[in-house]
Amino acid sequence: MSEIHRVLVPGGRFLALTPAYPHTSAFTDPTHVNFITKDTHEYFTGLNPSGAMYGFKGAFEVVQVRWEASSNAYNLNQPSWRKTIRRLHRQIFAGSLSHLLWEFSANKQL
Protein backbone atom coordinates (compact mmCIF):
# COMPACT_ATOMS: atom_id res chain seq x y z
CA MET A 1 0.00 0.00 0.00
CA SER A 2 2.94 2.34 0.61
CA GLU A 3 4.15 1.76 -2.95
CA ILE A 4 0.68 2.39 -4.37
CA HIS A 5 0.51 5.67 -2.47
CA ARG A 6 4.03 6.64 -3.59
CA VAL A 7 3.31 6.25 -7.31
CA LEU A 8 -0.08 7.99 -7.29
CA VAL A 9 -0.20 11.73 -7.89
CA PRO A 10 -2.10 13.67 -5.20
CA GLY A 11 -5.78 13.04 -5.87
CA GLY A 12 -4.94 9.89 -7.89
CA ARG A 13 -7.37 7.01 -7.51
CA PHE A 14 -6.71 3.47 -6.29
CA LEU A 15 -9.36 0.87 -7.09
CA ALA A 16 -9.19 -2.69 -5.71
CA LEU A 17 -11.54 -5.64 -5.64
CA THR A 18 -10.60 -8.41 -3.24
CA PRO A 19 -12.24 -11.46 -1.69
CA ALA A 20 -13.04 -10.76 1.95
CA TYR A 21 -13.84 -12.48 5.23
CA PRO A 22 -16.19 -14.20 6.04
CA HIS A 23 -16.75 -15.46 2.48
CA THR A 24 -14.94 -18.72 1.68
CA SER A 25 -13.25 -17.17 -1.38
CA ALA A 26 -11.01 -15.25 1.05
CA PHE A 27 -9.54 -18.57 2.21
CA THR A 28 -9.51 -20.82 -0.86
CA ASP A 29 -6.57 -19.20 -2.65
CA PRO A 30 -3.32 -20.25 -0.91
CA THR A 31 -1.60 -17.03 -2.02
CA HIS A 32 -3.85 -14.98 0.29
CA VAL A 33 -1.55 -14.41 3.25
CA ASN A 34 -3.53 -11.54 4.79
CA PHE A 35 -7.28 -11.69 5.06
CA ILE A 36 -9.31 -8.59 4.26
CA THR A 37 -12.33 -7.60 6.35
CA LYS A 38 -14.86 -4.81 5.99
CA ASP A 39 -12.66 -2.66 8.29
CA THR A 40 -9.17 -3.35 6.87
CA HIS A 41 -9.19 -0.18 4.77
CA GLU A 42 -9.09 1.88 7.98
CA TYR A 43 -5.39 1.00 8.33
CA PHE A 44 -4.66 3.11 5.24
CA THR A 45 -7.16 5.98 5.39
CA GLY A 46 -7.64 9.20 7.30
CA LEU A 47 -5.18 11.77 8.60
CA ASN A 48 -3.31 9.34 10.89
CA PRO A 49 -3.66 5.86 9.38
CA SER A 50 -3.07 3.15 11.95
CA GLY A 51 -1.08 1.16 9.38
CA ALA A 52 1.79 3.58 10.08
CA MET A 53 2.67 1.49 13.14
CA TYR A 54 3.40 -1.35 10.70
CA GLY A 55 5.45 0.77 8.30
CA PHE A 56 2.73 2.11 5.97
CA LYS A 57 3.82 5.44 4.54
CA GLY A 58 0.95 7.36 3.02
CA ALA A 59 -2.63 8.40 3.53
CA PHE A 60 -5.71 7.81 1.47
CA GLU A 61 -9.19 9.29 1.61
CA VAL A 62 -12.08 6.86 1.19
CA VAL A 63 -14.13 7.43 -1.94
CA GLN A 64 -16.12 4.23 -1.41
CA VAL A 65 -15.85 0.85 0.29
CA ARG A 66 -18.65 -1.61 -0.40
CA TRP A 67 -19.47 -5.28 -0.80
CA GLU A 68 -19.61 -6.16 -4.47
CA ALA A 69 -20.27 -9.05 -6.83
CA SER A 70 -16.93 -10.00 -8.38
CA SER A 71 -18.57 -10.42 -11.78
CA ASN A 72 -19.35 -6.67 -11.81
CA ALA A 73 -15.63 -5.93 -12.12
CA TYR A 74 -15.11 -8.02 -15.23
CA ASN A 75 -17.18 -5.80 -17.53
CA LEU A 76 -16.79 -2.18 -16.56
CA ASN A 77 -18.92 -1.06 -19.51
CA GLN A 78 -22.09 -2.62 -18.12
CA PRO A 79 -24.82 -0.15 -17.24
CA SER A 80 -24.92 0.69 -13.53
CA TRP A 81 -28.51 -0.58 -13.23
CA ARG A 82 -27.35 -4.05 -14.32
CA LYS A 83 -24.58 -4.06 -11.72
CA THR A 84 -27.06 -3.00 -9.04
CA ILE A 85 -29.42 -5.83 -9.98
CA ARG A 86 -26.54 -8.35 -9.94
CA ARG A 87 -25.41 -7.11 -6.51
CA LEU A 88 -28.94 -7.37 -5.09
CA HIS A 89 -29.41 -10.82 -6.60
CA ARG A 90 -26.20 -12.05 -4.94
CA GLN A 91 -27.25 -10.63 -1.60
CA ILE A 92 -30.69 -12.22 -1.72
CA PHE A 93 -30.09 -15.59 -3.39
CA ALA A 94 -26.44 -16.44 -2.84
CA GLY A 95 -26.41 -15.51 0.83
CA SER A 96 -23.71 -12.86 0.62
CA LEU A 97 -21.39 -10.93 -1.59
CA SER A 98 -17.83 -12.23 -1.68
CA HIS A 99 -15.66 -9.22 -2.52
CA LEU A 100 -14.94 -5.77 -1.15
CA LEU A 101 -14.47 -2.90 -3.55
CA TRP A 102 -12.11 -0.21 -2.31
CA GLU A 103 -11.81 3.14 -4.03
CA PHE A 104 -9.36 5.57 -2.45
CA SER A 105 -7.97 8.96 -3.36
CA ALA A 106 -4.30 9.62 -2.55
CA ASN A 107 -3.58 12.50 -0.20
CA LYS A 108 -0.48 14.59 -0.83
CA GLN A 109 2.79 12.67 -0.90
CA LEU A 110 4.38 12.36 2.52
C-alpha atoms as a PDB file:
ATOM      1  CA  MET A   1       0.000   0.000   0.000  1.00  0.00           C
ATOM      2  CA  SER A   2       2.944   2.336   0.615  1.00  0.00           C
ATOM      3  CA  GLU A   3       4.150   1.764  -2.948  1.00  0.00           C
ATOM      4  CA  ILE A   4       0.677   2.387  -4.372  1.00  0.00           C
ATOM      5  CA  HIS A   5       0.512   5.665  -2.472  1.00  0.00           C
ATOM      6  CA  ARG A   6       4.025   6.636  -3.588  1.00  0.00           C
ATOM      7  CA  VAL A   7       3.308   6.249  -7.313  1.00  0.00           C
ATOM      8  CA  LEU A   8      -0.081   7.992  -7.293  1.00  0.00           C
ATOM      9  CA  VAL A   9      -0.202  11.732  -7.891  1.00  0.00           C
ATOM     10  CA  PRO A  10      -2.104  13.666  -5.198  1.00  0.00           C
ATOM     11  CA  GLY A  11      -5.777  13.035  -5.868  1.00  0.00           C
ATOM     12  CA  GLY A  12      -4.938   9.892  -7.889  1.00  0.00           C
ATOM     13  CA  ARG A  13      -7.374   7.010  -7.510  1.00  0.00           C
ATOM     14  CA  PHE A  14      -6.714   3.474  -6.285  1.00  0.00           C
ATOM     15  CA  LEU A  15      -9.359   0.870  -7.090  1.00  0.00           C
ATOM     16  CA  ALA A  16      -9.187  -2.689  -5.712  1.00  0.00           C
ATOM     17  CA  LEU A  17     -11.537  -5.639  -5.635  1.00  0.00           C
ATOM     18  CA  THR A  18     -10.596  -8.408  -3.238  1.00  0.00           C
ATOM     19  CA  PRO A  19     -12.244 -11.459  -1.686  1.00  0.00           C
ATOM     20  CA  ALA A  20     -13.044 -10.759   1.949  1.00  0.00           C
ATOM     21  CA  TYR A  21     -13.838 -12.475   5.232  1.00  0.00           C
ATOM     22  CA  PRO A  22     -16.193 -14.201   6.039  1.00  0.00           C
ATOM     23  CA  HIS A  23     -16.755 -15.458   2.480  1.00  0.00           C
ATOM     24  CA  THR A  24     -14.935 -18.718   1.678  1.00  0.00           C
ATOM     25  CA  SER A  25     -13.250 -17.166  -1.381  1.00  0.00           C
ATOM     26  CA  ALA A  26     -11.013 -15.248   1.047  1.00  0.00           C
ATOM     27  CA  PHE A  27      -9.538 -18.570   2.213  1.00  0.00           C
ATOM     28  CA  THR A  28      -9.514 -20.816  -0.864  1.00  0.00           C
ATOM     29  CA  ASP A  29      -6.568 -19.200  -2.655  1.00  0.00           C
ATOM     30  CA  PRO A  30      -3.324 -20.250  -0.906  1.00  0.00           C
ATOM     31  CA  THR A  31      -1.596 -17.026  -2.020  1.00  0.00           C
ATOM     32  CA  HIS A  32      -3.847 -14.978   0.288  1.00  0.00           C
ATOM     33  CA  VAL A  33      -1.552 -14.407   3.249  1.00  0.00           C
ATOM     34  CA  ASN A  34      -3.527 -11.538   4.791  1.00  0.00           C
ATOM     35  CA  PHE A  35      -7.282 -11.694   5.061  1.00  0.00           C
ATOM     36  CA  ILE A  36      -9.309  -8.592   4.258  1.00  0.00           C
ATOM     37  CA  THR A  37     -12.328  -7.600   6.351  1.00  0.00           C
ATOM     38  CA  LYS A  38     -14.860  -4.812   5.994  1.00  0.00           C
ATOM     39  CA  ASP A  39     -12.662  -2.662   8.287  1.00  0.00           C
ATOM     40  CA  THR A  40      -9.169  -3.349   6.872  1.00  0.00           C
ATOM     41  CA  HIS A  41      -9.193  -0.178   4.773  1.00  0.00           C
ATOM     42  CA  GLU A  42      -9.092   1.879   7.985  1.00  0.00           C
ATOM     43  CA  TYR A  43      -5.388   0.996   8.326  1.00  0.00           C
ATOM     44  CA  PHE A  44      -4.661   3.111   5.239  1.00  0.00           C
ATOM     45  CA  THR A  45      -7.156   5.980   5.389  1.00  0.00           C
ATOM     46  CA  GLY A  46      -7.640   9.196   7.304  1.00  0.00           C
ATOM     47  CA  LEU A  47      -5.176  11.769   8.602  1.00  0.00           C
ATOM     48  CA  ASN A  48      -3.308   9.343  10.885  1.00  0.00           C
ATOM     49  CA  PRO A  49      -3.664   5.861   9.385  1.00  0.00           C
ATOM     50  CA  SER A  50      -3.067   3.149  11.955  1.00  0.00           C
ATOM     51  CA  GLY A  51      -1.078   1.157   9.380  1.00  0.00           C
ATOM     52  CA  ALA A  52       1.792   3.581  10.077  1.00  0.00           C
ATOM     53  CA  MET A  53       2.671   1.493  13.141  1.00  0.00           C
ATOM     54  CA  TYR A  54       3.402  -1.354  10.700  1.00  0.00           C
ATOM     55  CA  GLY A  55       5.453   0.774   8.296  1.00  0.00           C
ATOM     56  CA  PHE A  56       2.731   2.105   5.973  1.00  0.00           C
ATOM     57  CA  LYS A  57       3.820   5.436   4.541  1.00  0.00           C
ATOM     58  CA  GLY A  58       0.952   7.359   3.024  1.00  0.00           C
ATOM     59  CA  ALA A  59      -2.627   8.402   3.532  1.00  0.00           C
ATOM     60  CA  PHE A  60      -5.715   7.813   1.466  1.00  0.00           C
ATOM     61  CA  GLU A  61      -9.191   9.285   1.607  1.00  0.00           C
ATOM     62  CA  VAL A  62     -12.082   6.858   1.193  1.00  0.00           C
ATOM     63  CA  VAL A  63     -14.132   7.429  -1.945  1.00  0.00           C
ATOM     64  CA  GLN A  64     -16.117   4.232  -1.411  1.00  0.00           C
ATOM     65  CA  VAL A  65     -15.854   0.855   0.286  1.00  0.00           C
ATOM     66  CA  ARG A  66     -18.653  -1.607  -0.399  1.00  0.00           C
ATOM     67  CA  TRP A  67     -19.472  -5.278  -0.800  1.00  0.00           C
ATOM     68  CA  GLU A  68     -19.613  -6.157  -4.473  1.00  0.00           C
ATOM     69  CA  ALA A  69     -20.269  -9.045  -6.829  1.00  0.00           C
ATOM     70  CA  SER A  70     -16.930  -9.999  -8.378  1.00  0.00           C
ATOM     71  CA  SER A  71     -18.571 -10.419 -11.783  1.00  0.00           C
ATOM     72  CA  ASN A  72     -19.349  -6.673 -11.808  1.00  0.00           C
ATOM     73  CA  ALA A  73     -15.633  -5.935 -12.115  1.00  0.00           C
ATOM     74  CA  TYR A  74     -15.111  -8.023 -15.232  1.00  0.00           C
ATOM     75  CA  ASN A  75     -17.183  -5.802 -17.532  1.00  0.00           C
ATOM     76  CA  LEU A  76     -16.786  -2.176 -16.557  1.00  0.00           C
ATOM     77  CA  ASN A  77     -18.919  -1.059 -19.511  1.00  0.00           C
ATOM     78  CA  GLN A  78     -22.091  -2.615 -18.118  1.00  0.00           C
ATOM     79  CA  PRO A  79     -24.823  -0.146 -17.241  1.00  0.00           C
ATOM     80  CA  SER A  80     -24.918   0.690 -13.534  1.00  0.00           C
ATOM     81  CA  TRP A  81     -28.506  -0.578 -13.231  1.00  0.00           C
ATOM     82  CA  ARG A  82     -27.354  -4.048 -14.317  1.00  0.00           C
ATOM     83  CA  LYS A  83     -24.580  -4.056 -11.718  1.00  0.00           C
ATOM     84  CA  THR A  84     -27.058  -3.000  -9.041  1.00  0.00           C
ATOM     85  CA  ILE A  85     -29.420  -5.827  -9.985  1.00  0.00           C
ATOM     86  CA  ARG A  86     -26.541  -8.349  -9.936  1.00  0.00           C
ATOM     87  CA  ARG A  87     -25.407  -7.107  -6.507  1.00  0.00           C
ATOM     88  CA  LEU A  88     -28.939  -7.367  -5.094  1.00  0.00           C
ATOM     89  CA  HIS A  89     -29.405 -10.821  -6.601  1.00  0.00           C
ATOM     90  CA  ARG A  90     -26.201 -12.053  -4.943  1.00  0.00           C
ATOM     91  CA  GLN A  91     -27.250 -10.632  -1.596  1.00  0.00           C
ATOM     92  CA  ILE A  92     -30.692 -12.219  -1.715  1.00  0.00           C
ATOM     93  CA  PHE A  93     -30.088 -15.587  -3.394  1.00  0.00           C
ATOM     94  CA  ALA A  94     -26.436 -16.438  -2.844  1.00  0.00           C
ATOM     95  CA  GLY A  95     -26.412 -15.511   0.827  1.00  0.00           C
ATOM     96  CA  SER A  96     -23.713 -12.864   0.623  1.00  0.00           C
ATOM     97  CA  LEU A  97     -21.386 -10.933  -1.586  1.00  0.00           C
ATOM     98  CA  SER A  98     -17.829 -12.235  -1.682  1.00  0.00           C
ATOM     99  CA  HIS A  99     -15.657  -9.217  -2.515  1.00  0.00           C
ATOM    100  CA  LEU A 100     -14.943  -5.773  -1.148  1.00  0.00           C
ATOM    101  CA  LEU A 101     -14.473  -2.904  -3.554  1.00  0.00           C
ATOM    102  CA  TRP A 102     -12.106  -0.210  -2.313  1.00  0.00           C
ATOM    103  CA  GLU A 103     -11.805   3.139  -4.032  1.00  0.00           C
ATOM    104  CA  PHE A 104      -9.359   5.572  -2.447  1.00  0.00           C
ATOM    105  CA  SER A 105      -7.966   8.960  -3.363  1.00  0.00           C
ATOM    106  CA  ALA A 106      -4.297   9.616  -2.546  1.00  0.00           C
ATOM    107  CA  ASN A 107      -3.583  12.505  -0.196  1.00  0.00           C
ATOM    108  CA  LYS A 108      -0.481  14.591  -0.830  1.00  0.00           C
ATOM    109  CA  GLN A 109       2.785  12.672  -0.904  1.00  0.00           C
ATOM    110  CA  LEU A 110       4.376  12.356   2.524  1.00  0.00           C
END
